[in-house]
Structure formats: structure tokens, C-alpha cells
């Protein structure tokens, strides 16, 4: 009997692009059976922290808390230069500097929330909201600031919001490393040969999508918050790169840097499967 893998991935376009081949069974599952759920990134973080998946996409902030019994797969990560979350303001020109102000983050265990904590500690009150609710709440002036991810990076200007800081650019200036946002982790309870097979299927799925990018659009549209094809492909261009196929030496160095800087918060180091 083939082994069933409980797999969780996010609904964001870079994941649905990368996993298009797997989701449509256009690549060989190599004897495994995948039960796939697509969720918001913070839902994935919580489910993985609660042992809800064998393999799943997670924020690297959450991955730090999972590091005792999970490994990071070499393929499927989102990291790079110019990919960071944006700290936006409801009123252009204002900055986070008072506990009377409210900042919305896209989940307690997201890397976006970690960056806000690292770069703007003890400045404002923080609440967590689903990423798709953050910009509407800024527009409605029910929050002062929001850490925005995913498609929001491309659409905030047309909503009349202000840019306080590109948190990814600040990371790059401080570390010289690409920013690690999220990646695929596998439970260490799985046999090593099973983890290796899952890794190969994911890499095959990525290569399949990269070979015919337009063919992945129907899968991406099915789950996206933004349905404009140009915005979807902008997202892929930004978040799917050489480190998505394989973290390599530079990707591993970025994870080491994140582990070190977040030591006071998580106290663990990320391990890449090899």
C-alpha cells in the first residue's frame, strides 16, 4: 500500500504555481498519495504547530518553532531580494511610535510579524488578521499600520495608502542575505527515503510549471485573492526564483542568519534536509 502524505500549502500564487504539477497530477507522485489542503499561511502555521500535516508550507518564523522535529526541504521556498513585506500606513507620512497606534500583522507566526518585532520593537499595539483583511482595514481607518504580504505588494498605491518601510529591504541592508519568507517543512518522523521522494516530487512540480508558465494560470486563479493575470504573474516573477528550486549555499546562509537574529524569540536553528 502506498504511503499517504498529508500536505498543506498556501493559496498564494507562488505556491499554486509551484504545486500546479502536483495538484493536477501532471507529474509522477512516485508511489506516494498526497492529501492536499490549501489554506492561509497562518492557518498552515497553526496546523503544522499542532501536528496537522506531514509536509507543509510554513513561514520561516513558524519553522523556527518547528525545528526540533521538522526539516526544511531544499525546494519550494520563497526567499529573495526585493520580496519583503511592506509596512503600510492608513495616513501617508505617519510612523509607528506610540502604543496608542495599532499595527495589523498577518499572523503571530508569520515572518512578516517577526520582521516587525525585530525592526520596530515595542512601538505600537499589534493585532493579527488574515492578510486579505489588512489593507481594507487600513482604508477604513480601523488600524494605523499594516504589514502587508502577497498581492498587496503590488496594489497598495492604488488604495491610497502610505509606505512606511519595505521590511525586506531593511533585512537586506542589515544582513546582505536574501530574505527567507517561507518554505516547505517535513516531519522528522517520516523515513528519510520518504522525505527524499516528497522533495523530488515538489522539485518536479516546480520544473513542470516553469516549463509552461501560462498553463498554471487556471490553478492560480482558482485560489487567488487577485484575479488579474498580470498581478498573478508578477507574484510568480517575484517569489519563484533559483532558491525556490534549490536553497543552495546562499539560501542556507539566509536561514542561518534568520535563526541567529530570531534567537531571542525562537531559540532554535533551521535544518535543511540533505
Foldseek 3Di string as FASTA:
>chain_A
DAEEFEEEEELFLQQLLLCVCVVVVVDPLPRHHYDYDYHFQQVQLVCVVVVNGQKYKHWLLSCLQVQVFKAFEFAAFFWFAPAFWFKWFLDAPDDQADQVAEEEEAHPRFVLVVLCCLPPNPRYHYDYDHQVVRLVCSLVVVGTIYGHHGLCVPCNVVSVIYTPDRSQVVVCVVPVAIATGIGMMGGNVDPLVVVVSVSVRSLVSNVVCVVPVVVSLVSSCVRDPDNDPVSSVVRNVNGPDPSNNGCPDRNQVNQQVVCVSCCVPRVGGHHYRD
